[in-house]
Amino acid sequence: MPQIDDQTRIELEAAAFRTLRAHLMEKRPDVQNIDLMNLAGFCRNCLSRWYQEAANARGIEMTKDEGREAFYGMPYDAWRDAHQTEADAAKTAQFDQAFAENVGKK
C-alpha cells in the first residue's frame, strides 16, 4: 500500500463516503433501508446517525433529525414517503434482530 499522509487519507475517506451516499440516495433509492439493515447490519439511518455522532463529538450540536436531513438532503419523512415501501412481517422480524445485534435495543 502506498504511503498516504493523514490529510490525504481523510480526503479519500470523505470521497468514499460521498460516493456511498450518492450511490444509496441517487442511484439506488429503490433499495429499502430494512433490506440494507437485514443484509449488512446498517442502513441510511445508521449513516446519518454516525454523521450526527461525529458532529456531536466535535462539539457541533446536531439532533437526530438534523443528522438525517444532512445525510438525506431533505427531511427524512419526505424521503421515506417518496422511496420507502411497507415491509412484511418476516422482514420486520429480521430487522428487529439485525437492529438489536448491530445497533442495540430500540
Protein backbone atom coordinates (compact mmCIF):
# COMPACT_ATOMS: atom_id res chain seq x y z
CA MET A 1 0.00 0.00 0.00
CA PRO A 2 1.38 3.45 -0.85
CA GLN A 3 2.28 5.85 1.91
CA ILE A 4 -0.53 8.34 2.36
CA ASP A 5 -0.39 11.32 4.68
CA ASP A 6 -3.21 11.85 7.19
CA GLN A 7 -4.85 14.73 5.32
CA THR A 8 -4.94 12.79 2.06
CA ARG A 9 -6.33 9.73 3.88
CA ILE A 10 -9.09 11.87 5.38
CA GLU A 11 -9.90 13.31 1.96
CA LEU A 12 -10.01 9.84 0.38
CA GLU A 13 -12.27 8.54 3.16
CA ALA A 14 -14.56 11.55 2.74
CA ALA A 15 -14.70 10.97 -1.03
CA ALA A 16 -15.59 7.31 -0.47
CA PHE A 17 -18.34 8.35 1.96
CA ARG A 18 -19.75 10.87 -0.53
CA THR A 19 -19.73 8.20 -3.25
CA LEU A 20 -21.52 5.70 -0.99
CA ARG A 21 -24.10 8.34 -0.06
CA ALA A 22 -24.68 9.28 -3.71
CA HIS A 23 -24.99 5.62 -4.67
CA LEU A 24 -27.61 4.95 -1.98
CA MET A 25 -29.51 8.19 -2.46
CA GLU A 26 -29.34 8.78 -6.23
CA LYS A 27 -28.52 5.52 -7.98
CA ARG A 28 -30.31 3.07 -5.69
CA PRO A 29 -33.09 4.83 -3.74
CA ASP A 30 -35.15 1.71 -4.51
CA VAL A 31 -33.06 -0.34 -2.07
CA GLN A 32 -35.01 -0.30 1.16
CA ASN A 33 -33.36 0.62 4.46
CA ILE A 34 -34.81 -2.52 6.03
CA ASP A 35 -33.09 -4.66 3.37
CA LEU A 36 -29.78 -2.89 3.96
CA MET A 37 -30.07 -3.43 7.71
CA ASN A 38 -31.10 -7.04 7.33
CA LEU A 39 -28.25 -7.87 4.94
CA ALA A 40 -25.44 -5.56 6.02
CA GLY A 41 -26.27 -4.53 9.58
CA PHE A 42 -26.50 -0.85 8.69
CA CYS A 43 -28.69 1.44 6.60
CA ARG A 44 -29.01 5.06 5.57
CA ASN A 45 -30.32 5.94 9.02
CA CYS A 46 -27.18 4.43 10.57
CA LEU A 47 -25.02 6.53 8.26
CA SER A 48 -26.96 9.65 9.23
CA ARG A 49 -26.57 8.74 12.93
CA TRP A 50 -22.82 8.23 12.52
CA TYR A 51 -22.66 11.65 10.84
CA GLN A 52 -24.58 13.18 13.74
CA GLU A 53 -22.39 11.43 16.32
CA ALA A 54 -19.23 12.65 14.56
CA ALA A 55 -20.58 16.21 14.64
CA ASN A 56 -21.52 15.93 18.31
CA ALA A 57 -18.07 14.51 19.15
CA ARG A 58 -16.57 17.65 17.63
CA GLY A 59 -18.77 19.95 19.68
CA ILE A 60 -21.28 20.62 16.91
CA GLU A 61 -24.77 20.26 18.33
CA MET A 62 -26.84 18.22 15.91
CA THR A 63 -30.07 16.38 16.62
CA LYS A 64 -31.07 13.04 15.11
CA ASP A 65 -33.45 14.83 12.72
CA GLU A 66 -30.76 17.33 11.70
CA GLY A 67 -28.32 14.48 11.06
CA ARG A 68 -30.87 12.71 8.92
CA GLU A 69 -31.63 15.87 6.94
CA ALA A 70 -27.90 16.44 6.38
CA PHE A 71 -27.50 12.89 5.06
CA TYR A 72 -30.76 12.57 3.11
CA GLY A 73 -30.59 16.11 1.74
CA MET A 74 -34.21 16.66 2.82
CA PRO A 75 -36.37 15.92 5.85
CA TYR A 76 -36.37 12.16 6.47
CA ASP A 77 -40.17 11.96 6.32
CA ALA A 78 -40.14 13.40 2.78
CA TRP A 79 -37.53 10.87 1.62
CA ARG A 80 -39.34 8.00 3.33
CA ASP A 81 -42.66 8.96 1.75
CA ALA A 82 -41.05 9.11 -1.69
CA HIS A 83 -38.95 5.94 -1.54
CA GLN A 84 -39.84 3.52 1.23
CA THR A 85 -42.38 0.73 0.99
CA GLU A 86 -44.14 -1.23 3.71
CA ALA A 87 -42.21 -4.23 4.97
CA ASP A 88 -43.85 -7.57 5.55
CA ALA A 89 -43.82 -9.34 8.95
CA ALA A 90 -40.84 -11.54 8.06
CA LYS A 91 -38.66 -8.57 7.07
CA THR A 92 -39.74 -6.69 10.18
CA ALA A 93 -38.81 -9.61 12.43
CA GLN A 94 -35.46 -9.96 10.68
CA PHE A 95 -34.93 -6.21 11.09
CA ASP A 96 -35.65 -6.35 14.83
CA GLN A 97 -32.93 -8.99 15.19
CA ALA A 98 -30.45 -7.12 12.96
CA PHE A 99 -31.12 -3.86 14.80
CA ALA A 100 -30.56 -5.47 18.20
CA GLU A 101 -27.33 -7.10 17.02
CA ASN A 102 -25.89 -4.06 15.25
CA VAL A 103 -27.34 -1.00 16.93
CA GLY A 104 -28.74 -2.10 20.28
CA LYS A 105 -32.10 -2.17 21.92
CA LYS A 106 -34.81 0.02 20.38
